[in-house]
C-alpha atoms as a PDB file:
ATOM      1  CA  MET A   1      93.125  27.837  -0.406  1.00  0.00           C
ATOM      2  CA  ILE A   2      90.875  25.285  -2.064  1.00  0.00           C
ATOM      3  CA  THR A   3      87.187  25.289  -2.936  1.00  0.00           C
ATOM      4  CA  ARG A   4      84.961  22.238  -2.857  1.00  0.00           C
ATOM      5  CA  GLN A   5      81.370  21.103  -2.721  1.00  0.00           C
ATOM      6  CA  ALA A   6      79.891  21.383   0.749  1.00  0.00           C
ATOM      7  CA  THR A   7      78.782  18.172   2.429  1.00  0.00           C
ATOM      8  CA  GLU A   8      76.340  17.438   5.208  1.00  0.00           C
ATOM      9  CA  GLN A   9      79.355  17.112   7.525  1.00  0.00           C
ATOM     10  CA  ASP A  10      79.877  20.863   7.015  1.00  0.00           C
ATOM     11  CA  LEU A  11      76.416  21.811   8.292  1.00  0.00           C
ATOM     12  CA  GLU A  12      77.548  22.914  11.760  1.00  0.00           C
ATOM     13  CA  ILE A  13      79.954  25.568  10.448  1.00  0.00           C
ATOM     14  CA  LEU A  14      77.539  26.510   7.662  1.00  0.00           C
ATOM     15  CA  LEU A  15      74.828  27.210  10.238  1.00  0.00           C
ATOM     16  CA  GLU A  16      77.328  29.489  12.018  1.00  0.00           C
ATOM     17  CA  PHE A  17      78.014  31.250   8.711  1.00  0.00           C
ATOM     18  CA  GLU A  18      74.273  31.693   8.194  1.00  0.00           C
ATOM     19  CA  GLN A  19      74.032  33.572  11.488  1.00  0.00           C
ATOM     20  CA  GLY A  20      77.049  35.623  10.367  1.00  0.00           C
ATOM     21  CA  VAL A  21      75.095  36.620   7.253  1.00  0.00           C
ATOM     22  CA  VAL A  22      72.099  37.568   9.399  1.00  0.00           C
ATOM     23  CA  THR A  23      74.289  39.627  11.739  1.00  0.00           C
ATOM     24  CA  ALA A  24      75.901  41.424   8.796  1.00  0.00           C
ATOM     25  CA  GLU A  25      72.498  42.218   7.277  1.00  0.00           C
ATOM     26  CA  ARG A  26      70.716  43.442  10.417  1.00  0.00           C
ATOM     27  CA  PRO A  27      72.059  47.034  10.135  1.00  0.00           C
ATOM     28  CA  PHE A  28      70.611  47.228   6.605  1.00  0.00           C
ATOM     29  CA  ASN A  29      67.201  45.707   7.348  1.00  0.00           C
ATOM     30  CA  SER A  30      65.081  46.959  10.242  1.00  0.00           C
ATOM     31  CA  THR A  31      62.305  44.505   9.308  1.00  0.00           C
ATOM     32  CA  LEU A  32      64.189  41.418  10.510  1.00  0.00           C
ATOM     33  CA  ILE A  33      62.809  39.752  13.620  1.00  0.00           C
ATOM     34  CA  ASP A  34      64.962  39.472  16.738  1.00  0.00           C
ATOM     35  CA  GLY A  35      66.782  36.260  17.523  1.00  0.00           C
ATOM     36  CA  GLU A  36      68.054  33.461  15.343  1.00  0.00           C
ATOM     37  CA  ILE A  37      66.894  33.494  11.725  1.00  0.00           C
ATOM     38  CA  HIS A  38      67.356  30.771   9.124  1.00  0.00           C
ATOM     39  CA  TYR A  39      67.383  32.069   5.563  1.00  0.00           C
ATOM     40  CA  TYR A  40      68.462  28.861   3.852  1.00  0.00           C
ATOM     41  CA  ASP A  41      67.641  25.171   3.739  1.00  0.00           C
ATOM     42  CA  LEU A  42      71.311  24.240   3.625  1.00  0.00           C
ATOM     43  CA  LYS A  43      70.787  20.480   3.563  1.00  0.00           C
ATOM     44  CA  SER A  44      68.506  20.800   0.533  1.00  0.00           C
ATOM     45  CA  LEU A  45      71.016  23.033  -1.239  1.00  0.00           C
ATOM     46  CA  ILE A  46      73.738  20.441  -0.654  1.00  0.00           C
ATOM     47  CA  GLN A  47      71.531  17.622  -1.975  1.00  0.00           C
ATOM     48  CA  SER A  48      69.800  19.383  -4.888  1.00  0.00           C
ATOM     49  CA  PRO A  49      70.862  18.722  -8.494  1.00  0.00           C
ATOM     50  CA  GLU A  50      69.572  22.248  -9.226  1.00  0.00           C
ATOM     51  CA  ALA A  51      72.063  23.839  -6.839  1.00  0.00           C
ATOM     52  CA  THR A  52      75.669  23.870  -5.795  1.00  0.00           C
ATOM     53  CA  LEU A  53      76.876  24.934  -2.367  1.00  0.00           C
ATOM     54  CA  ILE A  54      80.600  25.443  -2.180  1.00  0.00           C
ATOM     55  CA  VAL A  55      83.019  26.249   0.587  1.00  0.00           C
ATOM     56  CA  ALA A  56      86.531  27.617   0.620  1.00  0.00           C
ATOM     57  CA  GLU A  57      89.080  26.002   2.918  1.00  0.00           C
ATOM     58  CA  GLU A  58      92.461  27.111   4.134  1.00  0.00           C
ATOM     59  CA  ASN A  59      94.556  24.788   6.308  1.00  0.00           C
ATOM     60  CA  ASN A  60      91.553  22.427   6.632  1.00  0.00           C
ATOM     61  CA  GLU A  61      89.392  25.270   8.018  1.00  0.00           C
ATOM     62  CA  ILE A  62      86.219  26.316   6.204  1.00  0.00           C
ATOM     63  CA  ILE A  63      86.523  30.066   5.726  1.00  0.00           C
ATOM     64  CA  ALA A  64      83.842  30.986   3.184  1.00  0.00           C
ATOM     65  CA  SER A  65      80.703  29.811   1.435  1.00  0.00           C
ATOM     66  CA  GLY A  66      78.300  30.527  -1.403  1.00  0.00           C
ATOM     67  CA  TYR A  67      75.591  28.806  -3.367  1.00  0.00           C
ATOM     68  CA  ALA A  68      74.124  28.907  -6.855  1.00  0.00           C
ATOM     69  CA  LEU A  69      70.538  27.807  -7.448  1.00  0.00           C
ATOM     70  CA  ILE A  70      68.772  27.402 -10.772  1.00  0.00           C
ATOM     71  CA  LYS A  71      65.440  29.241 -10.731  1.00  0.00           C
ATOM     72  CA  LYS A  72      62.658  29.649 -13.284  1.00  0.00           C
ATOM     73  CA  ALA A  73      62.181  33.132 -14.701  1.00  0.00           C
ATOM     74  CA  GLU A  74      59.259  34.805 -12.944  1.00  0.00           C
ATOM     75  CA  LYS A  75      57.968  36.492 -16.083  1.00  0.00           C
ATOM     76  CA  ASN A  76      57.337  35.029 -19.509  1.00  0.00           C
ATOM     77  CA  TYR A  77      58.630  38.144 -21.278  1.00  0.00           C
ATOM     78  CA  TYR A  78      62.283  37.742 -20.248  1.00  0.00           C
ATOM     79  CA  ARG A  79      64.831  36.622 -22.822  1.00  0.00           C
ATOM     80  CA  PHE A  80      65.704  33.714 -20.557  1.00  0.00           C
ATOM     81  CA  LYS A  81      63.577  30.872 -19.169  1.00  0.00           C
ATOM     82  CA  GLU A  82      65.765  30.248 -16.131  1.00  0.00           C
ATOM     83  CA  TYR A  83      68.597  31.937 -14.298  1.00  0.00           C
ATOM     84  CA  VAL A  84      71.046  31.181 -11.525  1.00  0.00           C
ATOM     85  CA  TYR A  85      70.600  32.944  -8.217  1.00  0.00           C
ATOM     86  CA  LEU A  86      73.635  33.385  -5.964  1.00  0.00           C
ATOM     87  CA  GLY A  87      73.324  33.516  -2.207  1.00  0.00           C
ATOM     88  CA  PHE A  88      74.901  32.662   1.139  1.00  0.00           C
ATOM     89  CA  MET A  89      78.022  34.585   0.204  1.00  0.00           C
ATOM     90  CA  TYR A  90      79.995  34.643   3.433  1.00  0.00           C
ATOM     91  CA  VAL A  91      83.675  35.038   4.268  1.00  0.00           C
ATOM     92  CA  LYS A  92      84.915  34.800   7.858  1.00  0.00           C
ATOM     93  CA  PRO A  93      85.839  38.318   9.015  1.00  0.00           C
ATOM     94  CA  GLU A  94      89.565  37.619   9.397  1.00  0.00           C
ATOM     95  CA  TYR A  95      89.767  36.472   5.743  1.00  0.00           C
ATOM     96  CA  ARG A  96      87.890  39.388   4.152  1.00  0.00           C
ATOM     97  CA  GLY A  97      89.591  41.665   1.649  1.00  0.00           C
ATOM     98  CA  LYS A  98      91.675  38.825   0.171  1.00  0.00           C
ATOM     99  CA  GLY A  99      89.578  38.121  -2.935  1.00  0.00           C
ATOM    100  CA  ILE A 100      87.958  34.965  -1.554  1.00  0.00           C
ATOM    101  CA  ASN A 101      84.420  36.137  -2.367  1.00  0.00           C
ATOM    102  CA  LYS A 102      85.475  36.658  -5.997  1.00  0.00           C
ATOM    103  CA  VAL A 103      86.946  33.152  -6.196  1.00  0.00           C
ATOM    104  CA  ILE A 104      83.668  31.690  -4.960  1.00  0.00           C
ATOM    105  CA  THR A 105      81.592  33.962  -7.210  1.00  0.00           C
ATOM    106  CA  ASP A 106      83.679  33.011 -10.255  1.00  0.00           C
ATOM    107  CA  GLU A 107      83.262  29.319  -9.486  1.00  0.00           C
ATOM    108  CA  LEU A 108      79.496  29.681  -9.088  1.00  0.00           C
ATOM    109  CA  ILE A 109      79.250  31.612 -12.367  1.00  0.00           C
ATOM    110  CA  ALA A 110      81.279  28.870 -14.089  1.00  0.00           C
ATOM    111  CA  TRP A 111      78.817  26.311 -12.670  1.00  0.00           C
ATOM    112  CA  ALA A 112      75.930  28.303 -14.184  1.00  0.00           C
ATOM    113  CA  LYS A 113      77.647  28.495 -17.567  1.00  0.00           C
ATOM    114  CA  SER A 114      78.352  24.755 -17.498  1.00  0.00           C
ATOM    115  CA  ARG A 115      74.593  24.272 -17.370  1.00  0.00           C
ATOM    116  CA  GLY A 116      74.002  26.629 -20.294  1.00  0.00           C
ATOM    117  CA  ILE A 117      72.639  29.425 -18.111  1.00  0.00           C
ATOM    118  CA  ASN A 118      73.869  32.923 -18.906  1.00  0.00           C
ATOM    119  CA  GLU A 119      71.740  34.982 -16.518  1.00  0.00           C
ATOM    120  CA  VAL A 120      73.102  35.228 -12.970  1.00  0.00           C
ATOM    121  CA  ARG A 121      71.477  37.325 -10.275  1.00  0.00           C
ATOM    122  CA  LEU A 122      71.953  38.148  -6.622  1.00  0.00           C
ATOM    123  CA  GLU A 123      70.553  40.569  -4.091  1.00  0.00           C
ATOM    124  CA  VAL A 124      72.514  43.052  -2.040  1.00  0.00           C
ATOM    125  CA  TYR A 125      71.349  45.852   0.234  1.00  0.00           C
ATOM    126  CA  ALA A 126      71.649  49.255  -1.457  1.00  0.00           C
ATOM    127  CA  GLN A 127      73.517  50.652   1.579  1.00  0.00           C
ATOM    128  CA  ASN A 128      76.041  47.779   1.665  1.00  0.00           C
ATOM    129  CA  GLU A 129      78.709  49.622  -0.296  1.00  0.00           C
ATOM    130  CA  SER A 130      81.521  47.143   0.342  1.00  0.00           C
ATOM    131  CA  ALA A 131      79.428  44.218  -0.953  1.00  0.00           C
ATOM    132  CA  ILE A 132      78.301  46.236  -3.976  1.00  0.00           C
ATOM    133  CA  LYS A 133      81.922  47.051  -4.831  1.00  0.00           C
ATOM    134  CA  ALA A 134      82.907  43.391  -4.481  1.00  0.00           C
ATOM    135  CA  TYR A 135      80.115  42.272  -6.823  1.00  0.00           C
ATOM    136  CA  GLU A 136      80.919  45.012  -9.315  1.00  0.00           C
ATOM    137  CA  LYS A 137      84.524  43.749  -9.370  1.00  0.00           C
ATOM    138  CA  ALA A 138      83.091  40.336 -10.261  1.00  0.00           C
ATOM    139  CA  GLY A 139      81.225  41.896 -13.216  1.00  0.00           C
ATOM    140  CA  PHE A 140      77.766  42.472 -11.726  1.00  0.00           C
ATOM    141  CA  GLU A 141      75.924  45.714 -12.289  1.00  0.00           C
ATOM    142  CA  PRO A 142      72.918  47.221 -10.481  1.00  0.00           C
ATOM    143  CA  HIS A 143      69.614  46.275 -12.058  1.00  0.00           C
ATOM    144  CA  ILE A 144      66.558  46.956  -9.889  1.00  0.00           C
ATOM    145  CA  LEU A 145      66.273  48.793  -6.606  1.00  0.00           C
ATOM    146  CA  LEU A 146      63.465  47.523  -4.378  1.00  0.00           C
ATOM    147  CA  MET A 147      61.962  50.373  -2.388  1.00  0.00           C
ATOM    148  CA  ARG A 148      59.670  50.201   0.621  1.00  0.00           C
ATOM    149  CA  LEU A 149      57.496  52.446   2.710  1.00  0.00           C
ATOM    150  CA  LYS A 150      56.308  51.956   6.270  1.00  0.00           C
ATOM    151  CA  PRO A 151      53.319  54.301   6.549  1.00  0.00           C
END
């Protein structure tokens, strides 16, 4: 397996992965609209100097993806001015459980560190136990739980 920067030539498979992310998240989020949803501007992530979008390949087949994006801290009282946000973490179902997500996560964290950024964040649904375990293995810990009410 190799990892590399995604290119615009990868957009077709990346759009399929995006729908895979949406499908995986639907059971955890009843607020999502029906039909096709686009969470990401993949072309912008590929082109941005403030982001990296990587893919994992095995036998010339793209099997996984993830991005890191530099963001400004929302509050002026944090100990950091900017952080790296991770997203679009997707591994094709037949390749799950083989540590591929950790390889991608480690590479994205290394990218953040290479830019002098030591705060890395991501979001995961509280009920998505397998994803939480995978991120904990990569060194993440729970921080804030967003709660909602539909009166």
